[in-house]
Amino acid sequence: RALSILNDYKDYNTVVALTCLGYDRQAYSLLVQLPENANTHYLGAILCCRLKDIQAAVDHLLQACTLDSSKIDRAQRDPEITKLINNHNLQEHLDKIN
């Protein structure tokens, strides 16, 4: 029932709720319609990791960190994103941003 209510709202909070509920593809489809900012790019990185679109995940992460360098610290505490950083040697890129 909650999902039918969420479908009426096309905003960041709805994307977060869908992500938490595991509706990753639906969440990402909505996310790409929102204005871009560090938060949307960071969540895009998480969703793309889950959807196995690794290049898009990398692109979203680097853009999020470029827009807001505090996302670098956040990324290093997030298991999904830390795995992305380690598996794709992104720490050097993040160090340059910071």
PDB file of N, CA and C in Angstrom:
ATOM      1  N   ARG A   1       0.820  -1.199   0.000  1.00  0.00           N
ATOM      2  CA  ARG A   1       0.000   0.000   0.000  1.00  0.00           C
ATOM      3  C   ARG A   1       0.865   1.265   0.000  1.00  0.00           C
ATOM      4  N   ALA A   2       1.944   1.226   0.753  1.00  0.00           N
ATOM      5  CA  ALA A   2       2.833   2.395   0.815  1.00  0.00           C
ATOM      6  C   ALA A   2       3.419   2.705  -0.555  1.00  0.00           C
ATOM      7  N   LEU A   3       3.722   1.666  -1.335  1.00  0.00           N
ATOM      8  CA  LEU A   3       4.302   1.903  -2.663  1.00  0.00           C
ATOM      9  C   LEU A   3       3.338   2.657  -3.572  1.00  0.00           C
ATOM     10  N   SER A   4       2.068   2.373  -3.455  1.00  0.00           N
ATOM     11  CA  SER A   4       1.113   3.101  -4.297  1.00  0.00           C
ATOM     12  C   SER A   4       1.074   4.579  -3.911  1.00  0.00           C
ATOM     13  N   ILE A   5       1.273   4.874  -2.652  1.00  0.00           N
ATOM     14  CA  ILE A   5       1.329   6.269  -2.204  1.00  0.00           C
ATOM     15  C   ILE A   5       2.614   6.922  -2.711  1.00  0.00           C
ATOM     16  N   LEU A   6       3.730   6.201  -2.623  1.00  0.00           N
ATOM     17  CA  LEU A   6       5.022   6.739  -3.070  1.00  0.00           C
ATOM     18  C   LEU A   6       5.011   7.083  -4.550  1.00  0.00           C
ATOM     19  N   ASN A   7       4.301   6.304  -5.330  1.00  0.00           N
ATOM     20  CA  ASN A   7       4.286   6.541  -6.779  1.00  0.00           C
ATOM     21  C   ASN A   7       3.749   7.918  -7.142  1.00  0.00           C
ATOM     22  N   ASP A   8       2.998   8.536  -6.254  1.00  0.00           N
ATOM     23  CA  ASP A   8       2.476   9.881  -6.515  1.00  0.00           C
ATOM     24  C   ASP A   8       3.533  10.965  -6.311  1.00  0.00           C
ATOM     25  N   TYR A   9       4.634  10.621  -5.653  1.00  0.00           N
ATOM     26  CA  TYR A   9       5.675  11.597  -5.341  1.00  0.00           C
ATOM     27  C   TYR A   9       6.926  11.274  -6.141  1.00  0.00           C
ATOM     28  N   LYS A  10       7.357  12.216  -6.909  1.00  0.00           N
ATOM     29  CA  LYS A  10       8.539  12.032  -7.751  1.00  0.00           C
ATOM     30  C   LYS A  10       9.670  12.897  -7.202  1.00  0.00           C
ATOM     31  N   ASP A  11      10.169  12.530  -6.013  1.00  0.00           N
ATOM     32  CA  ASP A  11      11.205  13.345  -5.388  1.00  0.00           C
ATOM     33  C   ASP A  11      12.300  12.462  -4.796  1.00  0.00           C
ATOM     34  N   TYR A  12      13.309  13.115  -4.240  1.00  0.00           N
ATOM     35  CA  TYR A  12      14.469  12.421  -3.686  1.00  0.00           C
ATOM     36  C   TYR A  12      14.073  11.470  -2.562  1.00  0.00           C
ATOM     37  N   ASN A  13      13.159  11.891  -1.697  1.00  0.00           N
ATOM     38  CA  ASN A  13      12.742  11.036  -0.589  1.00  0.00           C
ATOM     39  C   ASN A  13      12.092   9.752  -1.078  1.00  0.00           C
ATOM     40  N   THR A  14      11.360   9.840  -2.163  1.00  0.00           N
ATOM     41  CA  THR A  14      10.763   8.644  -2.748  1.00  0.00           C
ATOM     42  C   THR A  14      11.850   7.709  -3.265  1.00  0.00           C
ATOM     43  N   VAL A  15      12.865   8.271  -3.884  1.00  0.00           N
ATOM     44  CA  VAL A  15      13.988   7.459  -4.369  1.00  0.00           C
ATOM     45  C   VAL A  15      14.656   6.753  -3.195  1.00  0.00           C
ATOM     46  N   VAL A  16      14.876   7.454  -2.110  1.00  0.00           N
ATOM     47  CA  VAL A  16      15.497   6.850  -0.925  1.00  0.00           C
ATOM     48  C   VAL A  16      14.627   5.710  -0.396  1.00  0.00           C
ATOM     49  N   ALA A  17      13.333   5.951  -0.301  1.00  0.00           N
ATOM     50  CA  ALA A  17      12.419   4.916   0.201  1.00  0.00           C
ATOM     51  C   ALA A  17      12.432   3.694  -0.711  1.00  0.00           C
ATOM     52  N   LEU A  18      12.367   3.911  -2.012  1.00  0.00           N
ATOM     53  CA  LEU A  18      12.400   2.789  -2.952  1.00  0.00           C
ATOM     54  C   LEU A  18      13.717   2.026  -2.838  1.00  0.00           C
ATOM     55  N   THR A  19      14.800   2.751  -2.668  1.00  0.00           N
ATOM     56  CA  THR A  19      16.112   2.120  -2.509  1.00  0.00           C
ATOM     57  C   THR A  19      16.136   1.252  -1.251  1.00  0.00           C
ATOM     58  N   CYS A  20      15.646   1.779  -0.167  1.00  0.00           N
ATOM     59  CA  CYS A  20      15.615   1.031   1.100  1.00  0.00           C
ATOM     60  C   CYS A  20      14.742  -0.212   1.012  1.00  0.00           C
ATOM     61  N   LEU A  21      13.712  -0.143   0.190  1.00  0.00           N
ATOM     62  CA  LEU A  21      12.812  -1.282   0.013  1.00  0.00           C
ATOM     63  C   LEU A  21      13.334  -2.290  -1.008  1.00  0.00           C
ATOM     64  N   GLY A  22      14.454  -1.954  -1.659  1.00  0.00           N
ATOM     65  CA  GLY A  22      15.049  -2.872  -2.612  1.00  0.00           C
ATOM     66  C   GLY A  22      14.541  -2.741  -4.035  1.00  0.00           C
ATOM     67  N   TYR A  23      13.798  -1.692  -4.322  1.00  0.00           N
ATOM     68  CA  TYR A  23      13.303  -1.446  -5.671  1.00  0.00           C
ATOM     69  C   TYR A  23      14.320  -0.575  -6.420  1.00  0.00           C
ATOM     70  N   ASP A  24      15.493  -1.148  -6.624  1.00  0.00           N
ATOM     71  CA  ASP A  24      16.628  -0.386  -7.130  1.00  0.00           C
ATOM     72  C   ASP A  24      16.413   0.142  -8.545  1.00  0.00           C
ATOM     73  N   ARG A  25      15.890  -0.672  -9.436  1.00  0.00           N
ATOM     74  CA  ARG A  25      15.688  -0.219 -10.821  1.00  0.00           C
ATOM     75  C   ARG A  25      14.649   0.897 -10.868  1.00  0.00           C
ATOM     76  N   GLN A  26      13.567   0.737 -10.132  1.00  0.00           N
ATOM     77  CA  GLN A  26      12.534   1.779 -10.086  1.00  0.00           C
ATOM     78  C   GLN A  26      13.096   3.060  -9.464  1.00  0.00           C
ATOM     79  N   ALA A  27      13.889   2.898  -8.414  1.00  0.00           N
ATOM     80  CA  ALA A  27      14.506   4.056  -7.755  1.00  0.00           C
ATOM     81  C   ALA A  27      15.425   4.793  -8.719  1.00  0.00           C
ATOM     82  N   TYR A  28      16.240   4.043  -9.461  1.00  0.00           N
ATOM     83  CA  TYR A  28      17.173   4.690 -10.383  1.00  0.00           C
ATOM     84  C   TYR A  28      16.433   5.385 -11.530  1.00  0.00           C
ATOM     85  N   SER A  29      15.380   4.759 -12.007  1.00  0.00           N
ATOM     86  CA  SER A  29      14.593   5.381 -13.087  1.00  0.00           C
ATOM     87  C   SER A  29      14.035   6.729 -12.654  1.00  0.00           C
ATOM     88  N   LEU A  30      13.633   6.816 -11.405  1.00  0.00           N
ATOM     89  CA  LEU A  30      13.136   8.091 -10.881  1.00  0.00           C
ATOM     90  C   LEU A  30      14.293   9.049 -10.602  1.00  0.00           C
ATOM     91  N   LEU A  31      15.375   8.538 -10.062  1.00  0.00           N
ATOM     92  CA  LEU A  31      16.517   9.373  -9.705  1.00  0.00           C
ATOM     93  C   LEU A  31      17.049  10.160 -10.899  1.00  0.00           C
ATOM     94  N   VAL A  32      17.132   9.539 -12.052  1.00  0.00           N
ATOM     95  CA  VAL A  32      17.717  10.218 -13.214  1.00  0.00           C
ATOM     96  C   VAL A  32      16.812  11.331 -13.745  1.00  0.00           C
ATOM     97  N   GLN A  33      15.598  11.415 -13.237  1.00  0.00           N
ATOM     98  CA  GLN A  33      14.692  12.495 -13.633  1.00  0.00           C
ATOM     99  C   GLN A  33      14.817  13.718 -12.724  1.00  0.00           C
ATOM    100  N   LEU A  34      15.518  13.562 -11.614  1.00  0.00           N
ATOM    101  CA  LEU A  34      15.655  14.641 -10.631  1.00  0.00           C
ATOM    102  C   LEU A  34      16.809  15.567 -10.998  1.00  0.00           C
ATOM    103  N   PRO A  35      16.789  16.793 -10.488  1.00  0.00           N
ATOM    104  CA  PRO A  35      17.939  17.691 -10.692  1.00  0.00           C
ATOM    105  C   PRO A  35      19.206  17.063 -10.107  1.00  0.00           C
ATOM    106  N   GLU A  36      20.290  17.220 -10.813  1.00  0.00           N
ATOM    107  CA  GLU A  36      21.556  16.632 -10.374  1.00  0.00           C
ATOM    108  C   GLU A  36      22.187  17.462  -9.270  1.00  0.00           C
ATOM    109  N   ASN A  37      22.671  16.752  -8.245  1.00  0.00           N
ATOM    110  CA  ASN A  37      23.464  17.357  -7.187  1.00  0.00           C
ATOM    111  C   ASN A  37      24.305  16.251  -6.556  1.00  0.00           C
ATOM    112  N   ALA A  38      25.088  16.591  -5.560  1.00  0.00           N
ATOM    113  CA  ALA A  38      25.970  15.600  -4.943  1.00  0.00           C
ATOM    114  C   ALA A  38      25.188  14.430  -4.352  1.00  0.00           C
ATOM    115  N   ASN A  39      24.035  14.706  -3.749  1.00  0.00           N
ATOM    116  CA  ASN A  39      23.245  13.633  -3.148  1.00  0.00           C
ATOM    117  C   ASN A  39      22.667  12.688  -4.191  1.00  0.00           C
ATOM    118  N   THR A  40      22.158  13.238  -5.285  1.00  0.00           N
ATOM    119  CA  THR A  40      21.591  12.363  -6.309  1.00  0.00           C
ATOM    120  C   THR A  40      22.684  11.530  -6.974  1.00  0.00           C
ATOM    121  N   HIS A  41      23.851  12.125  -7.176  1.00  0.00           N
ATOM    122  CA  HIS A  41      24.950  11.350  -7.764  1.00  0.00           C
ATOM    123  C   HIS A  41      25.438  10.266  -6.810  1.00  0.00           C
ATOM    124  N   TYR A  42      25.506  10.580  -5.532  1.00  0.00           N
ATOM    125  CA  TYR A  42      25.962   9.572  -4.569  1.00  0.00           C
ATOM    126  C   TYR A  42      24.985   8.395  -4.526  1.00  0.00           C
ATOM    127  N   LEU A  43      23.704   8.702  -4.450  1.00  0.00           N
ATOM    128  CA  LEU A  43      22.705   7.632  -4.443  1.00  0.00           C
ATOM    129  C   LEU A  43      22.722   6.887  -5.776  1.00  0.00           C
ATOM    130  N   GLY A  44      22.982   7.608  -6.855  1.00  0.00           N
ATOM    131  CA  GLY A  44      23.132   6.960  -8.154  1.00  0.00           C
ATOM    132  C   GLY A  44      24.273   5.956  -8.148  1.00  0.00           C
ATOM    133  N   ALA A  45      25.365   6.287  -7.487  1.00  0.00           N
ATOM    134  CA  ALA A  45      26.491   5.350  -7.385  1.00  0.00           C
ATOM    135  C   ALA A  45      26.070   4.081  -6.661  1.00  0.00           C
ATOM    136  N   ILE A  46      25.352   4.227  -5.573  1.00  0.00           N
ATOM    137  CA  ILE A  46      24.881   3.057  -4.822  1.00  0.00           C
ATOM    138  C   ILE A  46      23.952   2.207  -5.686  1.00  0.00           C
ATOM    139  N   LEU A  47      22.995   2.855  -6.323  1.00  0.00           N
ATOM    140  CA  LEU A  47      22.033   2.116  -7.135  1.00  0.00           C
ATOM    141  C   LEU A  47      22.714   1.423  -8.317  1.00  0.00           C
ATOM    142  N   CYS A  48      23.637   2.111  -8.966  1.00  0.00           N
ATOM    143  CA  CYS A  48      24.327   1.491 -10.095  1.00  0.00           C
ATOM    144  C   CYS A  48      25.196   0.316  -9.652  1.00  0.00           C
ATOM    145  N   CYS A  49      25.779   0.396  -8.465  1.00  0.00           N
ATOM    146  CA  CYS A  49      26.502  -0.765  -7.922  1.00  0.00           C
ATOM    147  C   CYS A  49      25.552  -1.949  -7.804  1.00  0.00           C
ATOM    148  N   ARG A  50      24.401  -1.711  -7.232  1.00  0.00           N
ATOM    149  CA  ARG A  50      23.419  -2.782  -7.048  1.00  0.00           C
ATOM    150  C   ARG A  50      22.905  -3.320  -8.377  1.00  0.00           C
ATOM    151  N   LEU A  51      22.821  -2.441  -9.371  1.00  0.00           N
ATOM    152  CA  LEU A  51      22.323  -2.845 -10.686  1.00  0.00           C
ATOM    153  C   LEU A  51      23.437  -3.392 -11.586  1.00  0.00           C
ATOM    154  N   LYS A  52      24.653  -3.457 -11.047  1.00  0.00           N
ATOM    155  CA  LYS A  52      25.825  -3.989 -11.753  1.00  0.00           C
ATOM    156  C   LYS A  52      26.238  -3.153 -12.965  1.00  0.00           C
ATOM    157  N   ASP A  53      25.953  -1.865 -12.917  1.00  0.00           N
ATOM    158  CA  ASP A  53      26.413  -0.938 -13.956  1.00  0.00           C
ATOM    159  C   ASP A  53      27.599  -0.174 -13.365  1.00  0.00           C
ATOM    160  N   ILE A  54      28.733  -0.827 -13.388  1.00  0.00           N
ATOM    161  CA  ILE A  54      29.901  -0.343 -12.645  1.00  0.00           C
ATOM    162  C   ILE A  54      30.428   0.973 -13.193  1.00  0.00           C
ATOM    163  N   GLN A  55      30.479   1.132 -14.511  1.00  0.00           N
ATOM    164  CA  GLN A  55      31.000   2.396 -15.050  1.00  0.00           C
ATOM    165  C   GLN A  55      30.110   3.566 -14.631  1.00  0.00           C
ATOM    166  N   ALA A  56      28.806   3.373 -14.667  1.00  0.00           N
ATOM    167  CA  ALA A  56      27.899   4.441 -14.232  1.00  0.00           C
ATOM    168  C   ALA A  56      28.079   4.705 -12.739  1.00  0.00           C
ATOM    169  N   ALA A  57      28.311   3.659 -11.953  1.00  0.00           N
ATOM    170  CA  ALA A  57      28.535   3.832 -10.515  1.00  0.00           C
ATOM    171  C   ALA A  57      29.789   4.670 -10.272  1.00  0.00           C
ATOM    172  N   VAL A  58      30.848   4.369 -10.986  1.00  0.00           N
ATOM    173  CA  VAL A  58      32.099   5.134 -10.863  1.00  0.00           C
ATOM    174  C   VAL A  58      31.862   6.586 -11.247  1.00  0.00           C
ATOM    175  N   ASP A  59      31.193   6.792 -12.370  1.00  0.00           N
ATOM    176  CA  ASP A  59      30.926   8.157 -12.838  1.00  0.00           C
ATOM    177  C   ASP A  59      30.109   8.944 -11.816  1.00  0.00           C
ATOM    178  N   HIS A  60      29.064   8.317 -11.279  1.00  0.00           N
ATOM    179  CA  HIS A  60      28.232   8.986 -10.272  1.00  0.00           C
ATOM    180  C   HIS A  60      29.047   9.318  -9.018  1.00  0.00           C
ATOM    181  N   LEU A  61      29.853   8.367  -8.570  1.00  0.00           N
ATOM    182  CA  LEU A  61      30.643   8.597  -7.358  1.00  0.00           C
ATOM    183  C   LEU A  61      31.612   9.757  -7.545  1.00  0.00           C
ATOM    184  N   LEU A  62      32.337   9.759  -8.639  1.00  0.00           N
ATOM    185  CA  LEU A  62      33.313  10.829  -8.868  1.00  0.00           C
ATOM    186  C   LEU A  62      32.620  12.186  -9.006  1.00  0.00           C
ATOM    187  N   GLN A  63      31.467  12.204  -9.653  1.00  0.00           N
ATOM    188  CA  GLN A  63      30.729  13.460  -9.778  1.00  0.00           C
ATOM    189  C   GLN A  63      30.229  13.930  -8.410  1.00  0.00           C
ATOM    190  N   ALA A  64      29.712  13.007  -7.607  1.00  0.00           N
ATOM    191  CA  ALA A  64      29.235  13.372  -6.264  1.00  0.00           C
ATOM    192  C   ALA A  64      30.363  13.973  -5.437  1.00  0.00           C
ATOM    193  N   CYS A  65      31.526  13.345  -5.497  1.00  0.00           N
ATOM    194  CA  CYS A  65      32.664  13.823  -4.703  1.00  0.00           C
ATOM    195  C   CYS A  65      33.219  15.137  -5.238  1.00  0.00           C
ATOM    196  N   THR A  66      33.138  15.336  -6.529  1.00  0.00           N
ATOM    197  CA  THR A  66      33.570  16.607  -7.127  1.00  0.00           C
ATOM    198  C   THR A  66      32.649  17.739  -6.677  1.00  0.00           C
ATOM    199  N   LEU A  67      31.360  17.461  -6.649  1.00  0.00           N
ATOM    200  CA  LEU A  67      30.388  18.485  -6.243  1.00  0.00           C
ATOM    201  C   LEU A  67      30.425  18.770  -4.744  1.00  0.00           C
ATOM    202  N   ASP A  68      30.767  17.745  -3.955  1.00  0.00           N
ATOM    203  CA  ASP A  68      30.785  17.894  -2.492  1.00  0.00           C
ATOM    204  C   ASP A  68      31.851  16.961  -1.930  1.00  0.00           C
ATOM    205  N   SER A  69      33.010  17.518  -1.601  1.00  0.00           N
ATOM    206  CA  SER A  69      34.136  16.681  -1.152  1.00  0.00           C
ATOM    207  C   SER A  69      33.849  15.939   0.152  1.00  0.00           C
ATOM    208  N   SER A  70      32.823  16.329   0.898  1.00  0.00           N
ATOM    209  CA  SER A  70      32.482  15.576   2.113  1.00  0.00           C
ATOM    210  C   SER A  70      31.952  14.180   1.770  1.00  0.00           C
ATOM    211  N   LYS A  71      31.562  13.983   0.531  1.00  0.00           N
ATOM    212  CA  LYS A  71      31.103  12.654   0.094  1.00  0.00           C
ATOM    213  C   LYS A  71      32.256  11.656   0.085  1.00  0.00           C
ATOM    214  N   ILE A  72      33.484  12.138   0.017  1.00  0.00           N
ATOM    215  CA  ILE A  72      34.639  11.247   0.053  1.00  0.00           C
ATOM    216  C   ILE A  72      34.697  10.535   1.395  1.00  0.00           C
ATOM    217  N   ASP A  73      34.549  11.280   2.484  1.00  0.00           N
ATOM    218  CA  ASP A  73      34.546  10.667   3.818  1.00  0.00           C
ATOM    219  C   ASP A  73      33.373   9.710   3.969  1.00  0.00           C
ATOM    220  N   ARG A  74      32.224  10.108   3.468  1.00  0.00           N
ATOM    221  CA  ARG A  74      31.033   9.262   3.519  1.00  0.00           C
ATOM    222  C   ARG A  74      31.265   7.967   2.762  1.00  0.00           C
ATOM    223  N   ALA A  75      31.874   8.073   1.591  1.00  0.00           N
ATOM    224  CA  ALA A  75      32.122   6.902   0.748  1.00  0.00           C
ATOM    225  C   ALA A  75      33.016   5.887   1.453  1.00  0.00           C
ATOM    226  N   GLN A  76      33.965   6.366   2.228  1.00  0.00           N
ATOM    227  CA  GLN A  76      34.899   5.473   2.908  1.00  0.00           C
ATOM    228  C   GLN A  76      34.276   4.761   4.099  1.00  0.00           C
ATOM    229  N   ARG A  77      33.051   5.151   4.455  1.00  0.00           N
ATOM    230  CA  ARG A  77      32.328   4.471   5.543  1.00  0.00           C
ATOM    231  C   ARG A  77      31.140   3.650   5.032  1.00  0.00           C
ATOM    232  N   ASP A  78      30.943   3.652   3.738  1.00  0.00           N
ATOM    233  CA  ASP A  78      29.813   2.970   3.119  1.00  0.00           C
ATOM    234  C   ASP A  78      30.308   1.677   2.475  1.00  0.00           C
ATOM    235  N   PRO A  79      29.883   0.517   2.981  1.00  0.00           N
ATOM    236  CA  PRO A  79      30.422  -0.761   2.469  1.00  0.00           C
ATOM    237  C   PRO A  79      30.286  -0.946   0.956  1.00  0.00           C
ATOM    238  N   GLU A  80      29.151  -0.592   0.390  1.00  0.00           N
ATOM    239  CA  GLU A  80      28.968  -0.767  -1.054  1.00  0.00           C
ATOM    240  C   GLU A  80      29.921   0.111  -1.847  1.00  0.00           C
ATOM    241  N   ILE A  81      30.092   1.339  -1.399  1.00  0.00           N
ATOM    242  CA  ILE A  81      30.945   2.281  -2.118  1.00  0.00           C
ATOM    243  C   ILE A  81      32.417   1.997  -1.854  1.00  0.00           C
ATOM    244  N   THR A  82      32.763   1.587  -0.645  1.00  0.00           N
ATOM    245  CA  THR A  82      34.146   1.219  -0.350  1.00  0.00           C
ATOM    246  C   THR A  82      34.594   0.076  -1.246  1.00  0.00           C
ATOM    247  N   LYS A  83      33.722  -0.884  -1.444  1.00  0.00           N
ATOM    248  CA  LYS A  83      34.040  -2.007  -2.345  1.00  0.00           C
ATOM    249  C   LYS A  83      34.284  -1.494  -3.761  1.00  0.00           C
ATOM    250  N   LEU A  84      33.459  -0.570  -4.225  1.00  0.00           N
ATOM    251  CA  LEU A  84      33.638   0.025  -5.546  1.00  0.00           C
ATOM    252  C   LEU A  84      34.991   0.739  -5.627  1.00  0.00           C
ATOM    253  N   ILE A  85      35.313   1.520  -4.614  1.00  0.00           N
ATOM    254  CA  ILE A  85      36.580   2.261  -4.575  1.00  0.00           C
ATOM    255  C   ILE A  85      37.758   1.292  -4.648  1.00  0.00           C
ATOM    256  N   ASN A  86      37.711   0.255  -3.828  1.00  0.00           N
ATOM    257  CA  ASN A  86      38.825  -0.699  -3.770  1.00  0.00           C
ATOM    258  C   ASN A  86      38.938  -1.536  -5.040  1.00  0.00           C
ATOM    259  N   ASN A  87      37.817  -2.006  -5.550  1.00  0.00           N
ATOM    260  CA  ASN A  87      37.841  -2.885  -6.727  1.00  0.00           C
ATOM    261  C   ASN A  87      38.242  -2.163  -8.009  1.00  0.00           C
ATOM    262  N   HIS A  88      38.091  -0.852  -8.021  1.00  0.00           N
ATOM    263  CA  HIS A  88      38.361  -0.105  -9.245  1.00  0.00           C
ATOM    264  C   HIS A  88      39.419   0.989  -9.049  1.00  0.00           C
ATOM    265  N   ASN A  89      40.197   0.839  -7.984  1.00  0.00           N
ATOM    266  CA  ASN A  89      41.339   1.722  -7.735  1.00  0.00           C
ATOM    267  C   ASN A  89      40.977   3.200  -7.852  1.00  0.00           C
ATOM    268  N   LEU A  90      39.931   3.597  -7.147  1.00  0.00           N
ATOM    269  CA  LEU A  90      39.447   4.975  -7.234  1.00  0.00           C
ATOM    270  C   LEU A  90      40.020   5.898  -6.164  1.00  0.00           C
ATOM    271  N   GLN A  91      40.741   5.354  -5.198  1.00  0.00           N
ATOM    272  CA  GLN A  91      41.229   6.183  -4.108  1.00  0.00           C
ATOM    273  C   GLN A  91      42.120   7.318  -4.609  1.00  0.00           C
ATOM    274  N   GLU A  92      42.940   7.049  -5.595  1.00  0.00           N
ATOM    275  CA  GLU A  92      43.813   8.092  -6.137  1.00  0.00           C
ATOM    276  C   GLU A  92      42.993   9.227  -6.743  1.00  0.00           C
ATOM    277  N   HIS A  93      41.917   8.885  -7.438  1.00  0.00           N
ATOM    278  CA  HIS A  93      41.026   9.903  -8.011  1.00  0.00           C
ATOM    279  C   HIS A  93      40.369  10.735  -6.902  1.00  0.00           C
ATOM    280  N   LEU A  94      39.966  10.049  -5.858  1.00  0.00           N
ATOM    281  CA  LEU A  94      39.310  10.752  -4.745  1.00  0.00           C
ATOM    282  C   LEU A  94      40.302  11.648  -4.012  1.00  0.00           C
ATOM    283  N   ASP A  95      41.541  11.184  -3.873  1.00  0.00           N
ATOM    284  CA  ASP A  95      42.564  12.002  -3.223  1.00  0.00           C
ATOM    285  C   ASP A  95      42.831  13.293  -4.003  1.00  0.00           C
ATOM    286  N   LYS A  96      42.762  13.224  -5.312  1.00  0.00           N
ATOM    287  CA  LYS A  96      42.969  14.419  -6.146  1.00  0.00           C
ATOM    288  C   LYS A  96      41.822  15.425  -5.965  1.00  0.00           C
ATOM    289  N   ILE A  97      40.614  14.889  -5.798  1.00  0.00           N
ATOM    290  CA  ILE A  97      39.446  15.765  -5.588  1.00  0.00           C
ATOM    291  C   ILE A  97      39.552  16.464  -4.252  1.00  0.00           C
ATOM    292  N   ASN A  98      39.956  15.721  -3.247  1.00  0.00           N
ATOM    293  CA  ASN A  98      40.011  16.227  -1.879  1.00  0.00           C
ATOM    294  C   ASN A  98      41.191  17.143  -1.721  1.00  0.00           C
TER     295      ASN A  98
END
